[in-house]
Protein backbone atom coordinates (compact mmCIF):
# COMPACT_ATOMS: atom_id res chain seq x y z
CA MET A 1 179.07 3.45 148.82
CA LYS A 2 182.52 2.79 147.44
CA ILE A 3 183.04 4.41 144.03
CA THR A 4 185.72 3.44 141.52
CA PRO A 5 186.44 6.63 139.54
CA VAL A 6 186.72 6.57 135.76
CA PRO A 7 189.92 8.31 134.59
CA ASP A 8 189.54 11.97 133.60
CA ALA A 9 191.04 11.06 130.22
CA TYR A 10 187.62 9.66 129.26
CA ALA A 11 185.81 12.90 130.16
CA PRO A 12 184.20 14.74 127.26
CA PRO A 13 184.34 18.58 127.17
CA LEU A 14 181.03 18.97 129.06
CA HIS A 15 182.35 16.96 132.02
CA ARG A 16 185.54 19.00 132.13
CA ALA A 17 183.70 22.34 131.83
CA LEU A 18 181.32 21.52 134.71
CA ASN A 19 183.91 19.54 136.73
CA ILE A 20 181.75 16.39 136.64
CA LYS A 21 183.41 13.23 137.92
CA VAL A 22 182.20 9.75 137.01
CA GLY A 23 182.66 6.28 138.39
CA ILE A 24 181.26 2.85 139.09
CA GLY A 25 179.50 2.02 142.36
CA ASP A 26 180.26 -1.08 144.38
CA ASN A 27 177.05 -2.72 143.08
CA ASP A 28 177.91 -1.78 139.46
CA GLU A 29 175.85 1.42 139.50
CA GLY A 30 176.73 4.32 137.24
CA VAL A 31 177.74 7.33 139.33
CA ALA A 32 178.25 10.98 138.34
CA TRP A 33 178.97 13.74 140.83
CA ILE A 34 180.05 17.31 141.41
CA GLU A 35 181.03 19.44 144.36
CA VAL A 36 178.52 22.26 143.99
CA ASP A 37 180.22 25.50 142.93
CA ARG A 38 178.04 28.62 143.11
CA GLU A 39 179.94 30.15 140.19
CA VAL A 40 179.41 27.14 137.90
CA HIS A 41 176.37 25.09 138.96
CA PHE A 42 173.90 27.66 140.35
CA GLY A 43 170.73 29.07 138.85
CA SER A 44 169.68 32.12 140.89
CA ARG A 45 169.78 30.91 144.51
CA TRP A 46 170.64 27.19 144.42
CA ALA A 47 172.03 24.52 142.15
CA HIS A 48 170.29 24.60 138.78
CA GLY A 49 167.86 21.72 138.26
CA GLY A 50 169.59 21.01 134.98
CA MET A 51 172.57 19.74 136.99
CA ALA A 52 170.43 16.97 138.52
CA ALA A 53 169.20 16.06 135.04
CA THR A 54 172.70 16.20 133.55
CA LEU A 55 174.18 14.02 136.30
CA SER A 56 171.27 11.56 135.95
CA ASP A 57 171.81 11.31 132.20
CA ILE A 58 175.55 10.74 132.58
CA ALA A 59 175.22 8.18 135.40
CA SER A 60 172.61 6.32 133.32
CA GLY A 61 174.93 6.23 130.33
CA ILE A 62 177.64 4.70 132.49
CA VAL A 63 175.48 1.93 133.96
CA ILE A 64 174.19 1.01 130.49
CA ALA A 65 177.52 1.24 128.64
CA ARG A 66 179.20 -1.14 131.09
CA ARG A 67 177.02 -3.95 129.72
CA PHE A 68 178.58 -3.71 126.25
CA GLU A 69 181.83 -4.87 124.70
CA ASP A 70 182.40 -1.40 123.19
CA PRO A 71 181.03 0.93 125.90
CA MET A 72 181.85 4.13 124.00
CA ARG A 73 179.43 3.09 121.21
CA ALA A 74 176.67 1.51 123.33
CA LEU A 75 174.19 4.39 123.20
CA ASP A 76 172.68 6.43 120.40
CA GLY A 77 170.97 8.89 122.73
CA THR A 78 168.46 9.72 125.41
CA ILE A 79 164.83 9.13 124.46
CA GLU A 80 163.29 10.51 127.65
CA LEU A 81 164.51 11.68 131.03
CA LYS A 82 161.96 12.51 133.71
CA VAL A 83 163.21 14.17 136.88
CA ASN A 84 161.21 14.80 140.05
CA PHE A 85 162.88 17.50 142.14
CA LEU A 86 162.41 16.95 145.88
CA ARG A 87 164.80 19.38 147.62
CA LYS A 88 167.01 22.29 146.63
CA VAL A 89 170.79 21.91 146.71
CA VAL A 90 172.88 24.82 147.95
CA GLU A 91 176.26 23.31 148.80
CA GLY A 92 178.21 20.08 149.12
CA ASP A 93 178.15 17.14 146.79
CA MET A 94 175.47 16.36 144.22
CA THR A 95 175.68 12.71 143.23
CA ALA A 96 173.55 10.74 140.75
CA ILE A 97 173.45 6.97 141.26
CA ALA A 98 171.91 5.04 138.35
CA ARG A 99 170.68 1.46 138.36
CA LEU A 100 169.64 -0.49 135.29
CA LEU A 101 165.95 -1.44 135.25
CA HIS A 102 165.71 -2.86 131.73
CA LEU A 103 168.18 -3.72 128.99
CA GLY A 104 166.52 -4.77 125.75
CA LYS A 105 167.68 -5.00 122.16
CA ARG A 106 166.75 -1.41 121.31
CA ILE A 107 166.17 0.45 124.57
CA ALA A 108 167.42 0.59 128.14
CA VAL A 109 165.67 2.07 131.18
CA THR A 110 167.37 3.40 134.30
CA ASP A 111 166.31 4.49 137.79
CA VAL A 112 168.39 7.28 139.33
CA ASP A 113 168.69 8.71 142.82
CA VAL A 114 170.24 12.18 143.06
CA MET A 115 171.73 12.75 146.48
CA ASN A 116 173.11 15.75 148.40
CA LYS A 117 174.78 15.23 151.75
CA ASP A 118 173.21 11.74 151.95
CA GLN A 119 169.69 13.09 151.33
CA LEU A 120 167.56 12.26 148.30
CA VAL A 121 167.06 15.53 146.37
CA ALA A 122 165.74 14.24 143.03
CA LYS A 123 164.49 11.03 141.44
CA ALA A 124 164.89 10.33 137.73
CA LEU A 125 163.71 7.72 135.25
CA GLY A 126 165.54 7.52 131.93
CA THR A 127 164.91 5.74 128.64
CA PHE A 128 167.79 5.38 126.18
CA MET A 129 168.21 4.26 122.58
CA LEU A 130 170.84 1.56 122.22
CA HIS A 131 173.23 1.64 119.29
CA GLN A 132 172.19 -0.64 116.43
CA PRO A 133 175.16 -1.94 114.42
CA ASP A 134 174.97 -1.35 110.69
CA ALA A 135 173.09 -4.18 109.00
């Protein structure tokens, strides 16, 4: 997959602190990734599961926001994020690739694959509240 990176200038403090990179996939997917760092991303013996959830949430936000004229104000928040963990991650890349399943007037739903070394390590389904302009 070819990924077009989003400039680091758009990265909020969380992205910078965890060294999360973001971009757009060649089929307009939202993509968020890290190179696993034992000092930053580990729980006790492998990458913390919260990293898969965090990357899934960020990648989902990207794929949704791209559908709006003002992407930085597209979302009001995450309603639900369900993650199924399939394999542990010890080293290498951890990449979340989000696809849009539903875009309504009030909510959006995404499907996310979390990959490590080209293997599926987690599967996520996210539901997000879309921003409602002031009436």
